[in-house]
Amino acid sequence: MISTTTPSIEGKTITRYCGIVCGEVIVGVNFVRDFAAGLTNFFGGRSESYEDELIQARASAIREMEQRAAGLGADAVVGVKLDYEVLGANNGMLMVNASGTAVSLG
């Protein structure tokens, strides 16, 4: 499955628009990651624990979007957009949304 942020795929012809597809993932950040990130915040540097969580959430959202596109008979998803939101009473949840247009290619 090809997924791209562009509205078309070079060298390919879109033969059918199958519809809009989305993949949503909401993950909670646990106490250990919060503690480690707090130390990073205090001492400086990058928070690998949060970065890893974000990478996994993004990959899961894209995978879910692609699975929904395949379910519509699509070969690709064009115009992909990724959105990130912080949710929850104490901003302890992260939502990643991948969306785009499922298409068939010729």
Protein backbone atom coordinates (compact mmCIF):
# COMPACT_ATOMS: atom_id res chain seq x y z
CA MET A 1 0.00 0.00 0.00
CA ILE A 2 1.37 3.38 -1.03
CA SER A 3 0.59 6.28 1.30
CA THR A 4 1.64 9.79 0.36
CA THR A 5 0.96 13.36 1.41
CA THR A 6 0.77 14.40 -2.24
CA PRO A 7 -2.52 14.44 -4.19
CA SER A 8 -1.16 12.06 -6.83
CA ILE A 9 1.51 9.40 -7.31
CA GLU A 10 4.14 10.04 -9.97
CA GLY A 11 3.89 7.56 -12.83
CA LYS A 12 0.51 6.23 -11.67
CA THR A 13 -3.02 7.09 -12.75
CA ILE A 14 -5.81 7.28 -10.21
CA THR A 15 -8.67 5.29 -11.72
CA ARG A 16 -11.13 5.40 -8.84
CA TYR A 17 -11.64 7.37 -5.66
CA CYS A 18 -12.80 4.93 -2.97
CA GLY A 19 -13.46 7.41 -0.18
CA ILE A 20 -11.94 9.10 2.83
CA VAL A 21 -10.17 6.82 5.28
CA CYS A 22 -8.88 7.50 8.78
CA GLY A 23 -6.84 5.69 11.38
CA GLU A 24 -7.04 6.85 14.97
CA VAL A 25 -4.91 5.81 17.91
CA ILE A 26 -5.22 7.07 21.47
CA VAL A 27 -2.45 6.10 23.85
CA GLY A 28 -1.88 6.83 27.50
CA VAL A 29 1.52 7.73 28.80
CA ASN A 30 2.36 5.75 31.90
CA PHE A 31 4.00 6.84 35.14
CA VAL A 32 7.46 5.51 34.26
CA ARG A 33 7.56 7.47 31.02
CA ASP A 34 6.27 10.58 32.80
CA PHE A 35 9.00 10.21 35.42
CA ALA A 36 11.74 9.70 32.82
CA ALA A 37 10.46 12.63 30.77
CA GLY A 38 10.44 14.77 33.93
CA LEU A 39 14.10 13.99 34.47
CA THR A 40 14.87 14.84 30.85
CA ASN A 41 12.95 18.09 31.25
CA PHE A 42 14.97 18.92 34.38
CA PHE A 43 18.41 17.96 33.04
CA GLY A 44 17.78 18.75 29.37
CA GLY A 45 17.96 16.64 26.25
CA ARG A 46 15.52 14.58 24.25
CA SER A 47 12.85 12.38 25.77
CA GLU A 48 13.37 9.07 24.01
CA SER A 49 10.53 7.44 25.94
CA TYR A 50 8.00 9.97 24.61
CA GLU A 51 9.55 9.90 21.15
CA ASP A 52 9.24 6.11 21.01
CA GLU A 53 5.60 6.32 22.09
CA LEU A 54 4.89 8.92 19.42
CA ILE A 55 6.62 6.87 16.69
CA GLN A 56 4.61 3.76 17.62
CA ALA A 57 1.32 5.68 17.77
CA ARG A 58 1.93 7.29 14.37
CA ALA A 59 2.84 3.95 12.76
CA SER A 60 -0.30 2.35 14.23
CA ALA A 61 -2.54 5.16 12.95
CA ILE A 62 -1.07 4.91 9.44
CA ARG A 63 -1.37 1.11 9.46
CA GLU A 64 -5.03 1.35 10.54
CA MET A 65 -5.75 3.90 7.80
CA GLU A 66 -4.12 1.66 5.19
CA GLN A 67 -6.11 -1.36 6.38
CA ARG A 68 -9.35 0.59 6.01
CA ALA A 69 -8.28 1.67 2.51
CA ALA A 70 -7.54 -1.93 1.56
CA GLY A 71 -10.99 -2.87 2.85
CA LEU A 72 -12.44 -0.47 0.25
CA GLY A 73 -10.39 -2.11 -2.51
CA ALA A 74 -7.85 0.72 -2.72
CA ASP A 75 -4.23 0.43 -3.81
CA ALA A 76 -3.04 3.67 -2.21
CA VAL A 77 -3.92 6.58 0.03
CA VAL A 78 -3.21 10.10 -1.24
CA GLY A 79 -3.36 13.45 0.51
CA VAL A 80 -2.41 11.90 3.85
CA LYS A 81 -2.53 14.25 6.81
CA LEU A 82 -1.35 13.49 10.34
CA ASP A 83 -2.88 15.26 13.34
CA TYR A 84 -1.82 15.09 16.96
CA GLU A 85 -3.89 16.02 20.01
CA VAL A 86 -3.32 15.84 23.74
CA LEU A 87 -6.40 14.62 25.61
CA GLY A 88 -7.52 13.79 29.13
CA ALA A 89 -7.96 15.58 32.41
CA ASN A 90 -4.20 16.02 32.92
CA ASN A 91 -3.21 15.86 29.26
CA GLY A 92 -2.10 12.28 29.84
CA MET A 93 -3.42 10.86 26.57
CA LEU A 94 -2.10 11.33 23.06
CA MET A 95 -4.29 10.96 19.97
CA VAL A 96 -2.77 10.48 16.53
CA ASN A 97 -5.06 10.66 13.50
CA ALA A 98 -3.98 9.70 9.99
CA SER A 99 -6.43 10.54 7.22
CA GLY A 100 -6.44 10.62 3.45
CA THR A 101 -8.26 9.57 0.30
CA ALA A 102 -8.25 5.90 -0.63
CA VAL A 103 -7.71 5.41 -4.37
CA SER A 104 -7.32 2.65 -6.96
CA LEU A 105 -4.42 2.97 -9.36
CA GLY A 106 -4.11 2.04 -13.00
